[in-house]
Amino acid sequence: MAQVPSPKAVEKADEYWHVRFRDPDEFSEIRTPDWAAEAAESVYEGSEVRTGHREGSDEWVVQSVLIPASAERSTAESKAKAILEKLEG
């Protein structure tokens, strides 16, 4: 199983908890793909995933996971980790 990173930040915005696993400055492009949202929804309803593309690489990795703000902070962090493990683990 691949090593997945720990959250670097957990911040609450208006609609979501933003659980950041990788610095957005590491990426040349960031997207919110439908296929990742479907995987996230299977772990926690209403979740989204932002993936990043590093310049010079064909690989896309999870940059952050968005969990609905109605969740508790601890729930947001644990569900985001579960989503990351599902996608990259």
N, C-alpha and C. Protein backbone atom coordinates (compact mmCIF):
# COMPACT_ATOMS: atom_id res chain seq x y z
N MET A 1 0.84 -1.17 0.00
CA MET A 1 0.00 0.00 0.00
C MET A 1 0.89 1.24 0.00
N ALA A 2 0.54 2.24 -0.80
CA ALA A 2 1.31 3.47 -0.90
C ALA A 2 1.17 4.30 0.37
N GLN A 3 2.21 5.05 0.66
CA GLN A 3 2.19 5.95 1.81
C GLN A 3 1.40 7.20 1.44
N VAL A 4 0.35 7.52 2.19
CA VAL A 4 -0.43 8.72 1.93
C VAL A 4 -0.04 9.79 2.95
N PRO A 5 -0.01 11.05 2.52
CA PRO A 5 0.41 12.12 3.43
C PRO A 5 -0.64 12.41 4.50
N SER A 6 -0.19 13.00 5.59
CA SER A 6 -1.08 13.48 6.64
C SER A 6 -1.56 14.87 6.26
N PRO A 7 -2.69 15.30 6.81
CA PRO A 7 -3.17 16.66 6.50
C PRO A 7 -2.17 17.71 6.95
N LYS A 8 -1.97 18.70 6.10
CA LYS A 8 -1.09 19.82 6.43
C LYS A 8 -1.89 20.97 7.04
N ALA A 9 -3.20 21.03 6.73
CA ALA A 9 -4.06 22.07 7.26
C ALA A 9 -5.51 21.60 7.19
N VAL A 10 -6.30 22.03 8.17
CA VAL A 10 -7.74 21.77 8.18
C VAL A 10 -8.39 23.11 8.51
N GLU A 11 -9.06 23.68 7.50
CA GLU A 11 -9.65 25.01 7.66
C GLU A 11 -11.10 25.00 7.23
N LYS A 12 -11.94 25.71 7.99
CA LYS A 12 -13.36 25.77 7.67
C LYS A 12 -13.65 27.04 6.89
N ALA A 13 -14.31 26.87 5.74
CA ALA A 13 -14.78 28.00 4.94
C ALA A 13 -16.31 28.01 5.03
N ASP A 14 -16.97 28.76 4.19
CA ASP A 14 -18.42 28.87 4.26
C ASP A 14 -19.14 27.53 4.13
N GLU A 15 -18.81 26.77 3.09
CA GLU A 15 -19.55 25.55 2.79
C GLU A 15 -18.80 24.27 3.09
N TYR A 16 -17.48 24.35 3.25
CA TYR A 16 -16.67 23.14 3.38
C TYR A 16 -15.56 23.29 4.41
N TRP A 17 -15.16 22.15 4.94
CA TRP A 17 -13.87 22.02 5.59
C TRP A 17 -12.88 21.71 4.47
N HIS A 18 -11.81 22.47 4.37
CA HIS A 18 -10.76 22.22 3.39
C HIS A 18 -9.64 21.46 4.12
N VAL A 19 -9.48 20.20 3.77
CA VAL A 19 -8.43 19.39 4.37
C VAL A 19 -7.33 19.28 3.33
N ARG A 20 -6.24 20.03 3.57
CA ARG A 20 -5.17 20.12 2.58
C ARG A 20 -4.07 19.11 2.91
N PHE A 21 -3.75 18.31 1.92
CA PHE A 21 -2.71 17.30 2.06
C PHE A 21 -1.40 17.72 1.41
N ARG A 22 -1.49 18.55 0.37
CA ARG A 22 -0.29 19.00 -0.35
C ARG A 22 -0.45 20.49 -0.66
N ASP A 23 0.65 21.19 -0.67
CA ASP A 23 0.68 22.62 -0.93
C ASP A 23 0.23 22.89 -2.38
N PRO A 24 -0.73 23.79 -2.58
CA PRO A 24 -1.17 24.08 -3.95
C PRO A 24 -0.07 24.64 -4.84
N ASP A 25 0.95 25.23 -4.25
CA ASP A 25 2.06 25.79 -5.03
C ASP A 25 2.91 24.71 -5.69
N GLU A 26 2.73 23.44 -5.30
CA GLU A 26 3.46 22.32 -5.90
C GLU A 26 2.95 21.97 -7.30
N PHE A 27 1.80 22.53 -7.67
CA PHE A 27 1.12 22.07 -8.88
C PHE A 27 1.02 23.15 -9.95
N SER A 28 1.08 22.69 -11.20
CA SER A 28 0.90 23.60 -12.33
C SER A 28 -0.58 23.78 -12.65
N GLU A 29 -1.40 22.84 -12.20
CA GLU A 29 -2.84 22.89 -12.48
C GLU A 29 -3.58 22.12 -11.39
N ILE A 30 -4.74 22.63 -10.97
CA ILE A 30 -5.58 21.95 -9.98
C ILE A 30 -6.99 21.85 -10.55
N ARG A 31 -7.57 20.65 -10.43
CA ARG A 31 -8.93 20.40 -10.93
C ARG A 31 -9.77 19.70 -9.87
N THR A 32 -11.08 19.75 -10.07
CA THR A 32 -12.03 19.01 -9.24
C THR A 32 -12.74 18.02 -10.17
N PRO A 33 -12.13 16.86 -10.40
CA PRO A 33 -12.69 15.91 -11.38
C PRO A 33 -13.92 15.17 -10.87
N ASP A 34 -14.83 14.88 -11.80
CA ASP A 34 -16.05 14.14 -11.46
C ASP A 34 -15.75 12.76 -10.91
N TRP A 35 -14.77 12.06 -11.49
CA TRP A 35 -14.49 10.70 -11.03
C TRP A 35 -14.04 10.69 -9.57
N ALA A 36 -13.31 11.71 -9.14
CA ALA A 36 -12.86 11.77 -7.76
C ALA A 36 -14.01 12.13 -6.82
N ALA A 37 -14.92 12.97 -7.30
CA ALA A 37 -16.09 13.32 -6.49
C ALA A 37 -16.95 12.09 -6.23
N GLU A 38 -17.07 11.24 -7.22
CA GLU A 38 -17.85 10.01 -7.05
C GLU A 38 -17.23 9.12 -5.98
N ALA A 39 -15.91 9.00 -5.99
CA ALA A 39 -15.23 8.21 -4.96
C ALA A 39 -15.40 8.85 -3.58
N ALA A 40 -15.29 10.17 -3.53
CA ALA A 40 -15.44 10.89 -2.26
C ALA A 40 -16.84 10.72 -1.69
N GLU A 41 -17.84 10.84 -2.57
CA GLU A 41 -19.24 10.69 -2.16
C GLU A 41 -19.50 9.32 -1.54
N SER A 42 -18.77 8.31 -1.98
CA SER A 42 -18.98 6.97 -1.44
C SER A 42 -18.48 6.86 0.00
N VAL A 43 -17.63 7.81 0.42
CA VAL A 43 -17.11 7.82 1.78
C VAL A 43 -17.91 8.80 2.65
N TYR A 44 -18.18 10.00 2.12
CA TYR A 44 -18.93 11.01 2.88
C TYR A 44 -19.71 11.88 1.90
N GLU A 45 -21.02 11.87 2.04
CA GLU A 45 -21.91 12.57 1.11
C GLU A 45 -21.60 14.06 1.05
N GLY A 46 -21.53 14.59 -0.17
CA GLY A 46 -21.28 16.01 -0.39
C GLY A 46 -19.82 16.39 -0.49
N SER A 47 -18.94 15.41 -0.38
CA SER A 47 -17.49 15.67 -0.42
C SER A 47 -17.02 15.90 -1.85
N GLU A 48 -15.92 16.62 -1.96
CA GLU A 48 -15.27 16.85 -3.24
C GLU A 48 -13.77 16.67 -3.08
N VAL A 49 -13.10 16.46 -4.19
CA VAL A 49 -11.65 16.26 -4.17
C VAL A 49 -11.02 17.19 -5.20
N ARG A 50 -9.96 17.85 -4.79
CA ARG A 50 -9.17 18.65 -5.73
C ARG A 50 -7.88 17.90 -6.00
N THR A 51 -7.61 17.69 -7.27
CA THR A 51 -6.39 17.00 -7.66
C THR A 51 -5.44 17.99 -8.33
N GLY A 52 -4.15 17.72 -8.18
CA GLY A 52 -3.15 18.60 -8.76
C GLY A 52 -2.23 17.85 -9.69
N HIS A 53 -1.76 18.56 -10.69
CA HIS A 53 -0.83 18.03 -11.69
C HIS A 53 0.50 18.75 -11.53
N ARG A 54 1.54 17.96 -11.31
CA ARG A 54 2.89 18.54 -11.19
C ARG A 54 3.50 18.68 -12.58
N GLU A 55 4.10 19.82 -12.83
CA GLU A 55 4.75 20.07 -14.12
C GLU A 55 5.85 19.04 -14.34
N GLY A 56 5.91 18.53 -15.56
CA GLY A 56 6.91 17.54 -15.90
C GLY A 56 6.53 16.13 -15.53
N SER A 57 5.29 15.93 -15.11
CA SER A 57 4.81 14.60 -14.70
C SER A 57 3.45 14.34 -15.34
N ASP A 58 3.15 13.08 -15.56
CA ASP A 58 1.82 12.71 -16.06
C ASP A 58 0.85 12.43 -14.92
N GLU A 59 1.36 12.44 -13.70
CA GLU A 59 0.60 12.03 -12.53
C GLU A 59 -0.26 13.17 -11.95
N TRP A 60 -1.49 12.83 -11.58
CA TRP A 60 -2.37 13.70 -10.84
C TRP A 60 -2.53 13.11 -9.45
N VAL A 61 -2.40 13.93 -8.41
CA VAL A 61 -2.53 13.46 -7.03
C VAL A 61 -3.51 14.37 -6.28
N VAL A 62 -4.02 13.88 -5.17
CA VAL A 62 -4.96 14.66 -4.36
C VAL A 62 -4.21 15.82 -3.71
N GLN A 63 -4.72 17.01 -3.94
CA GLN A 63 -4.18 18.20 -3.28
C GLN A 63 -4.97 18.45 -1.99
N SER A 64 -6.31 18.41 -2.09
CA SER A 64 -7.12 18.62 -0.90
C SER A 64 -8.46 17.91 -1.05
N VAL A 65 -9.11 17.71 0.09
CA VAL A 65 -10.44 17.11 0.13
C VAL A 65 -11.35 18.11 0.82
N LEU A 66 -12.53 18.30 0.25
CA LEU A 66 -13.52 19.22 0.82
C LEU A 66 -14.65 18.39 1.42
N ILE A 67 -14.91 18.62 2.70
CA ILE A 67 -15.96 17.93 3.43
C ILE A 67 -17.00 18.98 3.83
N PRO A 68 -18.29 18.71 3.67
CA PRO A 68 -19.31 19.70 4.02
C PRO A 68 -19.10 20.28 5.43
N ALA A 69 -19.31 21.59 5.56
CA ALA A 69 -19.07 22.31 6.81
C ALA A 69 -19.97 21.85 7.95
N SER A 70 -21.03 21.15 7.64
CA SER A 70 -21.94 20.65 8.68
C SER A 70 -21.28 19.57 9.54
N ALA A 71 -20.20 18.98 9.06
CA ALA A 71 -19.48 17.94 9.81
C ALA A 71 -18.64 18.58 10.91
N GLU A 72 -18.35 17.82 11.94
CA GLU A 72 -17.41 18.25 12.97
C GLU A 72 -16.01 18.23 12.38
N ARG A 73 -15.11 19.02 12.95
CA ARG A 73 -13.73 19.09 12.45
C ARG A 73 -13.07 17.71 12.45
N SER A 74 -13.22 16.96 13.53
CA SER A 74 -12.58 15.65 13.61
C SER A 74 -13.14 14.68 12.57
N THR A 75 -14.44 14.78 12.31
CA THR A 75 -15.06 13.95 11.28
C THR A 75 -14.52 14.33 9.91
N ALA A 76 -14.42 15.63 9.65
CA ALA A 76 -13.91 16.11 8.37
C ALA A 76 -12.50 15.59 8.12
N GLU A 77 -11.66 15.64 9.14
CA GLU A 77 -10.28 15.19 8.99
C GLU A 77 -10.22 13.67 8.76
N SER A 78 -10.96 12.90 9.53
CA SER A 78 -10.91 11.44 9.38
C SER A 78 -11.52 10.98 8.06
N LYS A 79 -12.61 11.61 7.63
CA LYS A 79 -13.23 11.22 6.35
C LYS A 79 -12.34 11.63 5.18
N ALA A 80 -11.69 12.78 5.29
CA ALA A 80 -10.77 13.22 4.23
C ALA A 80 -9.62 12.23 4.09
N LYS A 81 -9.09 11.76 5.21
CA LYS A 81 -8.02 10.75 5.17
C LYS A 81 -8.51 9.47 4.51
N ALA A 82 -9.74 9.06 4.85
CA ALA A 82 -10.31 7.84 4.25
C ALA A 82 -10.47 7.99 2.74
N ILE A 83 -10.89 9.18 2.31
CA ILE A 83 -11.04 9.43 0.87
C ILE A 83 -9.67 9.39 0.18
N LEU A 84 -8.68 10.03 0.78
CA LEU A 84 -7.33 10.02 0.21
C LEU A 84 -6.80 8.58 0.09
N GLU A 85 -6.99 7.80 1.15
CA GLU A 85 -6.53 6.40 1.11
C GLU A 85 -7.25 5.60 0.03
N LYS A 86 -8.54 5.88 -0.16
CA LYS A 86 -9.29 5.19 -1.20
C LYS A 86 -8.75 5.53 -2.58
N LEU A 87 -8.38 6.78 -2.79
CA LEU A 87 -7.90 7.21 -4.11
C LEU A 87 -6.43 6.91 -4.37
N GLU A 88 -5.61 6.98 -3.32
CA GLU A 88 -4.17 6.84 -3.53
C GLU A 88 -3.54 5.64 -2.83
N GLY A 89 -4.28 5.03 -1.92
CA GLY A 89 -3.73 3.96 -1.09
C GLY A 89 -3.51 2.67 -1.78
